[in-house]
Amino acid sequence: LSEGVSEEDLDHAADEATVGLDEVERTQIEKSVAVINAVYGAPARLEALAADIVEHWETHSQEMRKFISLPGRAFIVGATREICARLYDEVIKIKPEWHDDAIDKGVIKVVYSGSAQDSGLVAKHVRRDAQNKVIQKRLRDEGVVDLDDRLDQHVPDTPFGERTVAQLLSHTGGVVAELPGP
């Protein structure tokens, strides 16, 4: 962060940037999130994706050992919080030993922002900012992601490629947050 600018300042600025959405804009965003969840988050699609992720990890992480003496690391970006939570559940069905409730343990974690009003699957992964920072620090320290990485380094062809991971995590990337669906 720039000197004299706190994360709270950035969060406040991001909140102010989205103030003033009228009901039509809000409804349009809610509908688009619902479509994304329905299409990209279809149960069969997430089940197949989870199987692909686990297979890819098991194959390629062993190959990485030959080069760096470590199994490598992975960073997965999902379209919505609901999709991330459901994909996590699918991966854990295949590899239950990857799960751990402790934020500093386990092979796989979901990191996103949320609030006390979140419910269901999304709420299960909502943590206080300090807890998410522990996970973010772990990702950084293990070399999975640098907070200054551009998003297109991890998600090719994204329209938000010039934003950094830090900007997205601090809600300053100019990406409108998903709104709760009906």
Protein backbone atom coordinates (compact mmCIF):
# COMPACT_ATOMS: atom_id res chain seq x y z
CA LEU A 1 0.00 0.00 0.00
CA SER A 2 1.04 3.57 -0.56
CA GLU A 3 2.36 5.40 2.44
CA GLY A 4 -0.45 7.00 4.41
CA VAL A 5 -3.19 4.83 2.85
CA SER A 6 -4.65 2.06 4.99
CA GLU A 7 -6.64 -0.97 3.90
CA GLU A 8 -9.65 0.59 5.63
CA ASP A 9 -9.21 3.68 3.42
CA LEU A 10 -9.19 1.48 0.34
CA ASP A 11 -12.26 -0.48 1.47
CA HIS A 12 -14.09 2.79 2.15
CA ALA A 13 -13.16 4.14 -1.31
CA ALA A 14 -14.40 0.95 -2.97
CA ASP A 15 -17.68 1.13 -1.06
CA GLU A 16 -18.13 4.73 -2.15
CA ALA A 17 -17.46 3.80 -5.79
CA THR A 18 -20.43 1.42 -5.84
CA VAL A 19 -22.86 3.70 -4.00
CA GLY A 20 -25.63 5.01 -6.16
CA LEU A 21 -26.46 1.96 -8.19
CA ASP A 22 -30.11 2.27 -9.08
CA GLU A 23 -32.58 -0.60 -8.77
CA VAL A 24 -32.29 -1.49 -12.48
CA GLU A 25 -28.47 -1.74 -12.27
CA ARG A 26 -28.72 -3.74 -9.06
CA THR A 27 -31.28 -6.14 -10.58
CA GLN A 28 -29.15 -6.54 -13.72
CA ILE A 29 -26.10 -7.47 -11.62
CA GLU A 30 -28.13 -9.93 -9.54
CA LYS A 31 -29.46 -11.61 -12.69
CA SER A 32 -26.01 -11.89 -14.24
CA VAL A 33 -24.61 -13.47 -11.05
CA ALA A 34 -27.53 -15.94 -11.01
CA VAL A 35 -26.80 -16.90 -14.64
CA ILE A 36 -23.09 -17.33 -13.92
CA ASN A 37 -23.88 -19.55 -10.92
CA ALA A 38 -26.36 -21.61 -12.95
CA VAL A 39 -24.16 -22.10 -16.02
CA TYR A 40 -20.59 -22.18 -14.71
CA GLY A 41 -21.65 -23.57 -11.35
CA ALA A 42 -23.80 -26.44 -12.64
CA PRO A 43 -23.30 -29.45 -10.34
CA ALA A 44 -22.05 -31.78 -13.10
CA ARG A 45 -19.64 -29.10 -14.35
CA LEU A 46 -18.19 -28.52 -10.85
CA GLU A 47 -17.89 -32.25 -10.22
CA ALA A 48 -15.97 -32.70 -13.47
CA LEU A 49 -13.84 -29.62 -12.78
CA ALA A 50 -12.96 -30.88 -9.29
CA ALA A 51 -11.92 -34.24 -10.74
CA ASP A 52 -9.76 -32.45 -13.35
CA ILE A 53 -8.16 -30.23 -10.71
CA VAL A 54 -7.30 -33.19 -8.46
CA GLU A 55 -5.97 -35.26 -11.38
CA HIS A 56 -3.92 -32.34 -12.69
CA TRP A 57 -2.52 -31.65 -9.23
CA GLU A 58 -1.59 -35.25 -8.57
CA THR A 59 0.12 -35.62 -11.95
CA HIS A 60 1.88 -32.29 -12.18
CA SER A 61 2.80 -31.74 -8.54
CA GLN A 62 4.95 -34.88 -8.64
CA GLU A 63 6.62 -33.67 -11.84
CA MET A 64 7.46 -30.37 -10.12
CA ARG A 65 9.46 -32.23 -7.47
CA LYS A 66 12.02 -33.09 -10.16
CA PHE A 67 12.72 -29.40 -10.72
CA ILE A 68 12.19 -27.61 -7.42
CA SER A 69 12.16 -30.41 -4.80
CA LEU A 70 8.63 -29.36 -3.86
CA PRO A 71 5.24 -30.48 -5.10
CA GLY A 72 4.47 -27.04 -6.54
CA ARG A 73 1.52 -24.82 -5.61
CA ALA A 74 -1.86 -23.97 -7.10
CA PHE A 75 -4.13 -20.93 -7.11
CA ILE A 76 -7.68 -21.29 -8.45
CA VAL A 77 -9.92 -18.30 -9.20
CA GLY A 78 -13.68 -18.79 -9.39
CA ALA A 79 -16.37 -16.65 -10.98
CA THR A 80 -18.48 -16.18 -7.84
CA ARG A 81 -18.27 -16.96 -4.14
CA GLU A 82 -21.00 -19.60 -4.48
CA ILE A 83 -19.08 -21.38 -7.23
CA CYS A 84 -15.89 -21.29 -5.13
CA ALA A 85 -17.67 -22.78 -2.12
CA ARG A 86 -19.33 -25.50 -4.18
CA LEU A 87 -16.11 -26.35 -6.04
CA TYR A 88 -14.35 -26.66 -2.68
CA ASP A 89 -16.99 -29.16 -1.55
CA GLU A 90 -16.52 -31.19 -4.74
CA VAL A 91 -12.74 -31.30 -4.31
CA ILE A 92 -13.11 -32.34 -0.67
CA LYS A 93 -15.42 -35.19 -1.70
CA ILE A 94 -12.53 -36.56 -3.76
CA LYS A 95 -9.73 -35.67 -1.31
CA PRO A 96 -11.21 -35.32 2.21
CA GLU A 97 -7.71 -35.32 3.70
CA TRP A 98 -7.09 -31.93 2.05
CA HIS A 99 -9.64 -30.25 4.35
CA ASP A 100 -8.86 -28.74 7.74
CA ASP A 101 -10.98 -26.22 9.64
CA ALA A 102 -7.85 -24.49 10.97
CA ILE A 103 -6.92 -21.50 8.80
CA ASP A 104 -3.22 -22.33 8.92
CA LYS A 105 -3.62 -26.01 8.08
CA GLY A 106 -5.07 -28.05 5.26
CA VAL A 107 -4.14 -28.31 1.62
CA ILE A 108 -7.02 -26.26 0.20
CA LYS A 109 -8.72 -23.04 1.30
CA VAL A 110 -11.36 -20.68 -0.07
CA VAL A 111 -10.56 -17.00 0.37
CA TYR A 112 -13.15 -14.30 -0.28
CA SER A 113 -14.77 -11.43 1.53
CA GLY A 114 -18.18 -11.59 3.10
CA SER A 115 -20.35 -10.41 5.93
CA ALA A 116 -22.49 -11.70 8.78
CA GLN A 117 -25.50 -11.55 6.44
CA ASP A 118 -24.05 -14.27 4.17
CA SER A 119 -25.66 -17.66 4.55
CA GLY A 120 -25.39 -21.25 3.36
CA LEU A 121 -22.32 -22.48 1.55
CA VAL A 122 -20.89 -19.00 1.14
CA ALA A 123 -21.02 -18.29 4.89
CA LYS A 124 -18.96 -21.40 5.66
CA HIS A 125 -15.88 -19.75 4.10
CA VAL A 126 -16.38 -16.18 5.30
CA ARG A 127 -13.65 -15.21 7.72
CA ARG A 128 -12.63 -12.03 9.46
CA ASP A 129 -10.09 -9.93 7.57
CA ALA A 130 -7.35 -10.97 9.98
CA GLN A 131 -8.04 -14.65 9.27
CA ASN A 132 -7.96 -14.09 5.50
CA LYS A 133 -4.65 -12.28 5.94
CA VAL A 134 -3.20 -15.42 7.58
CA ILE A 135 -4.21 -17.44 4.51
CA GLN A 136 -2.98 -14.75 2.12
CA LYS A 137 0.37 -14.62 3.93
CA ARG A 138 0.62 -18.40 3.67
CA LEU A 139 -0.03 -18.23 -0.09
CA ARG A 140 2.62 -15.54 -0.46
CA ASP A 141 5.18 -17.25 1.78
CA GLU A 142 4.73 -20.58 0.00
CA GLY A 143 5.25 -18.89 -3.35
CA VAL A 144 1.75 -19.60 -4.66
CA VAL A 145 0.99 -15.98 -5.47
CA ASP A 146 2.52 -12.59 -5.04
CA LEU A 147 0.03 -9.90 -4.12
CA ASP A 148 1.56 -7.67 -6.82
CA ASP A 149 0.89 -10.27 -9.54
CA ARG A 150 -1.43 -9.12 -12.29
CA LEU A 151 -4.59 -11.24 -12.41
CA ASP A 152 -3.93 -12.24 -16.05
CA GLN A 153 -0.81 -14.09 -14.84
CA HIS A 154 -3.19 -16.52 -13.13
CA VAL A 155 -6.38 -16.15 -15.17
CA PRO A 156 -5.58 -15.76 -18.87
CA ASP A 157 -8.06 -13.76 -20.97
CA THR A 158 -9.78 -12.17 -17.97
CA PRO A 159 -11.16 -8.70 -18.63
CA PHE A 160 -9.65 -7.67 -15.28
CA GLY A 161 -6.12 -8.79 -16.16
CA GLU A 162 -4.39 -5.50 -15.39
CA ARG A 163 -5.65 -5.54 -11.79
CA THR A 164 -3.36 -7.00 -9.17
CA VAL A 165 -4.24 -9.75 -6.73
CA ALA A 166 -3.83 -7.18 -3.92
CA GLN A 167 -6.33 -4.84 -5.59
CA LEU A 168 -8.92 -7.58 -5.87
CA LEU A 169 -8.43 -8.77 -2.31
CA SER A 170 -8.70 -5.21 -0.98
CA HIS A 171 -11.73 -4.41 -3.17
CA THR A 172 -9.91 -1.62 -5.02
CA GLY A 173 -9.69 -3.25 -8.44
CA GLY A 174 -12.80 -1.59 -9.77
CA VAL A 175 -14.67 -4.89 -10.09
CA VAL A 176 -18.26 -4.59 -8.89
CA ALA A 177 -18.88 -7.07 -6.10
CA GLU A 178 -21.49 -9.71 -6.66
CA LEU A 179 -24.75 -8.93 -4.99
CA PRO A 180 -26.88 -11.42 -3.06
CA GLY A 181 -29.29 -13.22 -5.35
CA PRO A 182 -33.01 -13.70 -4.79
